[in-house]
N, C-alpha and C. Protein backbone atom coordinates (compact mmCIF):
# COMPACT_ATOMS: atom_id res chain seq x y z
N MET A 1 34.76 -58.17 7.06
CA MET A 1 33.71 -57.23 6.75
C MET A 1 33.54 -57.12 5.25
N THR A 2 32.32 -56.89 4.86
CA THR A 2 31.99 -56.74 3.44
C THR A 2 32.32 -55.33 2.98
N ARG A 3 32.91 -55.23 1.81
CA ARG A 3 33.20 -53.94 1.18
C ARG A 3 32.14 -53.71 0.12
N ARG A 4 31.40 -52.61 0.24
CA ARG A 4 30.34 -52.31 -0.71
C ARG A 4 30.72 -51.08 -1.52
N LEU A 5 30.66 -51.21 -2.83
CA LEU A 5 30.96 -50.10 -3.73
C LEU A 5 29.66 -49.55 -4.29
N VAL A 6 29.55 -48.22 -4.27
CA VAL A 6 28.36 -47.54 -4.79
C VAL A 6 28.77 -46.69 -5.98
N ALA A 7 28.08 -46.85 -7.08
CA ALA A 7 28.32 -46.04 -8.27
C ALA A 7 27.13 -45.10 -8.48
N SER A 8 27.42 -43.92 -9.01
CA SER A 8 26.34 -42.99 -9.30
C SER A 8 26.18 -42.75 -10.80
N GLY A 9 27.09 -43.31 -11.59
CA GLY A 9 27.04 -43.08 -13.02
C GLY A 9 27.70 -41.78 -13.43
N GLY A 10 28.44 -41.17 -12.49
CA GLY A 10 29.15 -39.92 -12.79
C GLY A 10 30.10 -40.11 -13.97
N PRO A 11 30.41 -39.01 -14.67
CA PRO A 11 31.17 -39.12 -15.91
C PRO A 11 32.60 -39.64 -15.77
N TRP A 12 33.17 -39.61 -14.58
CA TRP A 12 34.57 -40.03 -14.45
C TRP A 12 34.76 -41.29 -13.64
N GLU A 13 33.72 -41.83 -13.04
CA GLU A 13 33.88 -43.00 -12.17
C GLU A 13 34.55 -44.17 -12.88
N ALA A 14 34.04 -44.56 -14.02
CA ALA A 14 34.60 -45.72 -14.72
C ALA A 14 35.97 -45.41 -15.30
N THR A 15 36.14 -44.24 -15.91
CA THR A 15 37.41 -43.94 -16.56
C THR A 15 38.53 -43.69 -15.56
N ALA A 16 38.21 -43.17 -14.38
CA ALA A 16 39.23 -42.90 -13.37
C ALA A 16 39.36 -44.05 -12.38
N GLY A 17 38.45 -45.00 -12.42
CA GLY A 17 38.54 -46.17 -11.57
C GLY A 17 38.25 -45.91 -10.11
N TYR A 18 37.17 -45.18 -9.81
CA TYR A 18 36.79 -44.95 -8.42
C TYR A 18 35.29 -45.15 -8.25
N SER A 19 34.87 -45.24 -7.00
CA SER A 19 33.46 -45.39 -6.67
C SER A 19 32.94 -44.09 -6.08
N ARG A 20 31.66 -43.83 -6.24
CA ARG A 20 31.04 -42.66 -5.59
C ARG A 20 31.17 -42.80 -4.09
N ALA A 21 30.97 -44.03 -3.59
CA ALA A 21 31.10 -44.28 -2.15
C ALA A 21 31.60 -45.70 -1.94
N VAL A 22 32.30 -45.88 -0.82
CA VAL A 22 32.76 -47.19 -0.39
C VAL A 22 32.35 -47.36 1.07
N ALA A 23 31.64 -48.44 1.36
CA ALA A 23 31.22 -48.73 2.73
C ALA A 23 31.87 -50.01 3.20
N VAL A 24 32.41 -49.95 4.40
CA VAL A 24 32.99 -51.11 5.05
C VAL A 24 32.52 -51.08 6.50
N GLY A 25 31.78 -52.10 6.90
CA GLY A 25 31.29 -52.15 8.27
C GLY A 25 30.41 -50.95 8.59
N ASP A 26 30.77 -50.25 9.66
CA ASP A 26 29.98 -49.10 10.11
C ASP A 26 30.47 -47.78 9.55
N SER A 27 31.34 -47.82 8.54
CA SER A 27 31.88 -46.59 7.96
C SER A 27 31.61 -46.52 6.47
N CYS A 28 31.44 -45.28 5.98
CA CYS A 28 31.23 -45.05 4.55
C CYS A 28 31.96 -43.78 4.16
N TRP A 29 32.66 -43.84 3.06
CA TRP A 29 33.40 -42.69 2.54
C TRP A 29 32.83 -42.33 1.18
N VAL A 30 32.43 -41.08 1.02
CA VAL A 30 31.88 -40.61 -0.25
C VAL A 30 32.96 -39.78 -0.94
N ALA A 31 33.27 -40.14 -2.17
CA ALA A 31 34.29 -39.47 -2.96
C ALA A 31 33.91 -38.02 -3.24
N GLY A 32 34.89 -37.25 -3.65
CA GLY A 32 34.62 -35.88 -4.07
C GLY A 32 33.48 -35.86 -5.07
N THR A 33 32.46 -35.05 -4.78
CA THR A 33 31.22 -35.06 -5.56
C THR A 33 30.93 -33.65 -6.08
N THR A 34 30.61 -33.57 -7.35
CA THR A 34 30.20 -32.32 -7.99
C THR A 34 28.79 -32.53 -8.56
N ASP A 35 28.26 -31.50 -9.17
CA ASP A 35 26.94 -31.64 -9.80
C ASP A 35 27.09 -31.86 -11.31
N ALA A 36 28.21 -32.42 -11.72
CA ALA A 36 28.46 -32.62 -13.16
C ALA A 36 27.42 -33.53 -13.78
N GLY A 37 26.94 -33.12 -14.93
CA GLY A 37 26.04 -33.96 -15.71
C GLY A 37 26.82 -34.96 -16.53
N PRO A 38 26.15 -35.70 -17.40
CA PRO A 38 26.81 -36.73 -18.20
C PRO A 38 27.95 -36.21 -19.06
N ASP A 39 27.88 -34.93 -19.46
CA ASP A 39 28.94 -34.37 -20.30
C ASP A 39 30.09 -33.78 -19.48
N GLY A 40 30.00 -33.87 -18.14
CA GLY A 40 31.07 -33.38 -17.28
C GLY A 40 30.97 -31.92 -16.89
N THR A 41 29.94 -31.23 -17.36
CA THR A 41 29.77 -29.83 -16.98
C THR A 41 28.68 -29.69 -15.92
N SER A 42 28.72 -28.58 -15.21
CA SER A 42 27.77 -28.35 -14.14
C SER A 42 26.33 -28.29 -14.66
N LEU A 43 25.44 -28.85 -13.89
CA LEU A 43 24.01 -28.74 -14.20
C LEU A 43 23.46 -27.39 -13.75
N HIS A 44 24.27 -26.64 -12.95
CA HIS A 44 23.87 -25.32 -12.44
C HIS A 44 25.03 -24.34 -12.61
N PRO A 45 25.43 -24.06 -13.84
CA PRO A 45 26.61 -23.21 -14.06
C PRO A 45 26.45 -21.83 -13.43
N GLY A 46 27.48 -21.39 -12.73
CA GLY A 46 27.50 -20.07 -12.14
C GLY A 46 26.79 -19.96 -10.80
N ASP A 47 26.07 -20.99 -10.37
CA ASP A 47 25.28 -20.92 -9.14
C ASP A 47 25.85 -21.90 -8.10
N VAL A 48 26.74 -21.40 -7.25
CA VAL A 48 27.42 -22.27 -6.29
C VAL A 48 26.44 -22.85 -5.27
N ALA A 49 25.41 -22.12 -4.88
CA ALA A 49 24.43 -22.64 -3.92
C ALA A 49 23.64 -23.79 -4.54
N ALA A 50 23.22 -23.64 -5.78
CA ALA A 50 22.49 -24.72 -6.46
C ALA A 50 23.40 -25.93 -6.66
N GLN A 51 24.67 -25.69 -6.96
CA GLN A 51 25.61 -26.80 -7.09
C GLN A 51 25.76 -27.52 -5.76
N ALA A 52 25.91 -26.77 -4.66
CA ALA A 52 26.05 -27.38 -3.33
C ALA A 52 24.81 -28.19 -2.98
N THR A 53 23.64 -27.65 -3.26
CA THR A 53 22.39 -28.37 -2.97
C THR A 53 22.34 -29.68 -3.74
N ALA A 54 22.70 -29.63 -5.02
CA ALA A 54 22.71 -30.84 -5.85
C ALA A 54 23.74 -31.85 -5.33
N VAL A 55 24.90 -31.37 -4.93
CA VAL A 55 25.96 -32.25 -4.43
C VAL A 55 25.48 -32.97 -3.17
N PHE A 56 24.87 -32.24 -2.24
CA PHE A 56 24.40 -32.90 -1.01
C PHE A 56 23.32 -33.93 -1.33
N ALA A 57 22.49 -33.70 -2.33
CA ALA A 57 21.49 -34.68 -2.73
C ALA A 57 22.15 -35.93 -3.30
N ILE A 58 23.20 -35.76 -4.09
CA ILE A 58 23.94 -36.90 -4.65
C ILE A 58 24.60 -37.69 -3.52
N ILE A 59 25.19 -36.98 -2.57
CA ILE A 59 25.82 -37.63 -1.42
C ILE A 59 24.78 -38.40 -0.62
N GLU A 60 23.62 -37.79 -0.39
CA GLU A 60 22.56 -38.47 0.37
C GLU A 60 22.11 -39.75 -0.34
N THR A 61 21.98 -39.71 -1.65
CA THR A 61 21.59 -40.89 -2.42
C THR A 61 22.65 -41.98 -2.31
N ALA A 62 23.92 -41.61 -2.46
CA ALA A 62 25.01 -42.60 -2.36
C ALA A 62 25.03 -43.23 -0.98
N LEU A 63 24.88 -42.41 0.06
CA LEU A 63 24.85 -42.95 1.42
C LEU A 63 23.68 -43.91 1.59
N GLY A 64 22.52 -43.54 1.08
CA GLY A 64 21.34 -44.39 1.17
C GLY A 64 21.56 -45.75 0.52
N GLU A 65 22.20 -45.75 -0.64
CA GLU A 65 22.48 -47.02 -1.33
C GLU A 65 23.42 -47.89 -0.53
N ALA A 66 24.26 -47.26 0.30
CA ALA A 66 25.21 -48.01 1.12
C ALA A 66 24.64 -48.34 2.50
N GLY A 67 23.40 -47.91 2.77
CA GLY A 67 22.77 -48.19 4.05
C GLY A 67 23.04 -47.15 5.13
N PHE A 68 23.38 -45.94 4.72
CA PHE A 68 23.68 -44.85 5.64
C PHE A 68 22.73 -43.68 5.36
N ALA A 69 22.79 -42.67 6.21
CA ALA A 69 21.96 -41.48 6.05
C ALA A 69 22.80 -40.24 6.32
N LEU A 70 22.24 -39.08 5.96
CA LEU A 70 22.96 -37.82 6.24
C LEU A 70 23.32 -37.70 7.72
N ASP A 71 22.45 -38.20 8.61
CA ASP A 71 22.70 -38.13 10.05
C ASP A 71 23.96 -38.89 10.46
N ASP A 72 24.43 -39.79 9.61
CA ASP A 72 25.63 -40.57 9.92
C ASP A 72 26.92 -39.85 9.54
N ILE A 73 26.81 -38.73 8.83
CA ILE A 73 28.01 -38.01 8.40
C ILE A 73 28.72 -37.41 9.61
N VAL A 74 30.01 -37.68 9.70
CA VAL A 74 30.83 -37.14 10.79
C VAL A 74 31.83 -36.10 10.31
N ARG A 75 32.12 -36.07 9.01
CA ARG A 75 33.09 -35.11 8.49
C ARG A 75 32.80 -34.83 7.02
N ILE A 76 32.94 -33.55 6.65
CA ILE A 76 32.87 -33.17 5.24
C ILE A 76 34.08 -32.29 4.91
N ARG A 77 34.46 -32.36 3.65
CA ARG A 77 35.51 -31.50 3.11
C ARG A 77 34.92 -30.81 1.89
N VAL A 78 34.97 -29.49 1.90
CA VAL A 78 34.36 -28.70 0.84
C VAL A 78 35.47 -27.96 0.11
N PHE A 79 35.52 -28.13 -1.19
CA PHE A 79 36.50 -27.47 -2.05
C PHE A 79 35.75 -26.50 -2.95
N VAL A 80 36.08 -25.23 -2.89
CA VAL A 80 35.43 -24.21 -3.71
C VAL A 80 36.48 -23.51 -4.56
N THR A 81 36.04 -23.02 -5.71
CA THR A 81 36.97 -22.32 -6.58
C THR A 81 37.01 -20.82 -6.30
N ASP A 82 36.10 -20.34 -5.45
CA ASP A 82 36.06 -18.92 -5.10
C ASP A 82 35.60 -18.78 -3.65
N ILE A 83 36.55 -18.61 -2.74
CA ILE A 83 36.24 -18.57 -1.31
C ILE A 83 35.38 -17.36 -0.95
N THR A 84 35.35 -16.35 -1.80
CA THR A 84 34.49 -15.20 -1.49
C THR A 84 33.01 -15.57 -1.53
N ARG A 85 32.69 -16.73 -2.09
CA ARG A 85 31.30 -17.20 -2.15
C ARG A 85 31.00 -18.20 -1.04
N ALA A 86 31.88 -18.27 -0.05
CA ALA A 86 31.72 -19.22 1.05
C ALA A 86 30.38 -19.06 1.76
N GLY A 87 29.92 -17.84 1.90
CA GLY A 87 28.64 -17.61 2.58
C GLY A 87 27.49 -18.32 1.91
N GLU A 88 27.48 -18.34 0.58
CA GLU A 88 26.43 -19.03 -0.16
C GLU A 88 26.46 -20.53 0.13
N VAL A 89 27.67 -21.06 0.18
CA VAL A 89 27.85 -22.49 0.45
C VAL A 89 27.46 -22.81 1.90
N MET A 90 27.91 -21.97 2.83
CA MET A 90 27.62 -22.22 4.24
C MET A 90 26.13 -22.16 4.53
N ALA A 91 25.39 -21.34 3.81
CA ALA A 91 23.94 -21.28 4.00
C ALA A 91 23.30 -22.62 3.65
N VAL A 92 23.73 -23.21 2.54
CA VAL A 92 23.21 -24.52 2.15
C VAL A 92 23.67 -25.58 3.15
N GLN A 93 24.94 -25.53 3.50
CA GLN A 93 25.51 -26.49 4.44
C GLN A 93 24.76 -26.44 5.78
N SER A 94 24.47 -25.24 6.25
CA SER A 94 23.74 -25.07 7.51
C SER A 94 22.33 -25.65 7.41
N PHE A 95 21.68 -25.45 6.27
CA PHE A 95 20.34 -26.00 6.07
C PHE A 95 20.37 -27.53 6.12
N VAL A 96 21.36 -28.13 5.46
CA VAL A 96 21.46 -29.60 5.38
C VAL A 96 21.89 -30.20 6.72
N PHE A 97 22.84 -29.54 7.39
CA PHE A 97 23.47 -30.12 8.57
C PHE A 97 23.20 -29.37 9.87
N GLY A 98 22.15 -28.56 9.92
CA GLY A 98 21.88 -27.75 11.11
C GLY A 98 21.97 -28.48 12.42
N SER A 99 21.37 -29.66 12.52
CA SER A 99 21.39 -30.40 13.78
C SER A 99 22.45 -31.50 13.78
N ILE A 100 22.98 -31.86 12.63
CA ILE A 100 23.97 -32.93 12.53
C ILE A 100 25.36 -32.42 12.92
N ARG A 101 25.70 -31.27 12.39
CA ARG A 101 26.94 -30.55 12.68
C ARG A 101 28.21 -31.41 12.60
N PRO A 102 28.52 -31.96 11.42
CA PRO A 102 29.74 -32.74 11.29
C PRO A 102 30.98 -31.84 11.36
N ALA A 103 32.12 -32.43 11.61
CA ALA A 103 33.37 -31.70 11.47
C ALA A 103 33.46 -31.29 10.00
N ALA A 104 33.96 -30.09 9.73
CA ALA A 104 33.94 -29.59 8.36
C ALA A 104 35.15 -28.73 8.05
N THR A 105 35.57 -28.82 6.82
CA THR A 105 36.66 -27.99 6.30
C THR A 105 36.21 -27.41 4.98
N MET A 106 36.54 -26.14 4.73
CA MET A 106 36.31 -25.53 3.43
C MET A 106 37.60 -24.87 2.99
N VAL A 107 38.04 -25.20 1.79
CA VAL A 107 39.25 -24.59 1.25
C VAL A 107 39.01 -24.15 -0.19
N GLU A 108 39.76 -23.15 -0.59
CA GLU A 108 39.72 -22.71 -1.98
C GLU A 108 40.77 -23.47 -2.76
N VAL A 109 40.38 -23.92 -3.95
CA VAL A 109 41.29 -24.59 -4.87
C VAL A 109 41.36 -23.79 -6.16
N SER A 110 42.42 -23.95 -6.90
CA SER A 110 42.57 -23.15 -8.11
C SER A 110 41.62 -23.56 -9.22
N ALA A 111 41.23 -24.83 -9.24
CA ALA A 111 40.31 -25.30 -10.28
C ALA A 111 39.80 -26.68 -9.93
N LEU A 112 38.66 -27.04 -10.52
CA LEU A 112 38.16 -28.41 -10.46
C LEU A 112 38.27 -28.99 -11.87
N ILE A 113 37.79 -30.20 -12.07
CA ILE A 113 38.03 -30.91 -13.32
C ILE A 113 37.41 -30.23 -14.55
N ASP A 114 36.36 -29.44 -14.36
CA ASP A 114 35.76 -28.66 -15.44
C ASP A 114 35.52 -27.25 -14.93
N PRO A 115 35.81 -26.23 -15.74
CA PRO A 115 35.67 -24.84 -15.27
C PRO A 115 34.27 -24.45 -14.80
N SER A 116 33.23 -25.15 -15.24
CA SER A 116 31.87 -24.82 -14.82
C SER A 116 31.57 -25.29 -13.39
N LEU A 117 32.41 -26.18 -12.87
CA LEU A 117 32.20 -26.72 -11.53
C LEU A 117 32.83 -25.80 -10.50
N LEU A 118 32.02 -25.33 -9.56
CA LEU A 118 32.45 -24.36 -8.56
C LEU A 118 32.70 -24.98 -7.20
N ILE A 119 32.24 -26.21 -6.99
CA ILE A 119 32.32 -26.85 -5.67
C ILE A 119 32.42 -28.36 -5.80
N GLU A 120 33.19 -28.96 -4.91
CA GLU A 120 33.29 -30.41 -4.80
C GLU A 120 33.30 -30.74 -3.31
N ILE A 121 32.57 -31.77 -2.92
CA ILE A 121 32.44 -32.11 -1.51
C ILE A 121 32.69 -33.60 -1.30
N GLU A 122 33.47 -33.92 -0.26
CA GLU A 122 33.68 -35.29 0.21
C GLU A 122 32.97 -35.45 1.54
N ALA A 123 32.53 -36.66 1.86
CA ALA A 123 31.86 -36.89 3.13
C ALA A 123 32.28 -38.25 3.70
N ASP A 124 32.44 -38.29 5.01
CA ASP A 124 32.73 -39.52 5.73
C ASP A 124 31.59 -39.75 6.70
N ALA A 125 31.09 -40.97 6.72
CA ALA A 125 29.97 -41.31 7.61
C ALA A 125 30.32 -42.51 8.47
N ARG A 126 29.73 -42.53 9.64
CA ARG A 126 29.92 -43.65 10.57
C ARG A 126 28.64 -43.84 11.37
N ARG A 127 28.20 -45.10 11.43
CA ARG A 127 27.03 -45.43 12.25
C ARG A 127 27.46 -45.73 13.66
N GLY A 128 26.56 -45.40 14.60
CA GLY A 128 26.81 -45.81 16.00
C GLY A 128 27.42 -44.79 16.87
């Protein structure tokens, strides 16, 4: 099977040696994704819902480049720095995945790579 690497130009992909997504056969794994701009800070500081919306758009783009779609997502992992804001995140998540309903986990973490980043999301997709 062919291994396809997808880059998004994120600020840490080259320096940390990872891909935004890796597709092999009927499966695709999207790395932890934030809304970090070129300087590594959030494009939507303080707004976890806007960050989540941006993250899902980045994930959708990466999946598309690998030949997948949001409908192919079977699992997501959501990391937030403040679990009391889970409702804001779940509202966005419900809008994006209302009919898809992937398996999902949300956990609070003490910090992400930059203090302005409030959320990071991983996604696994499978066709068929």
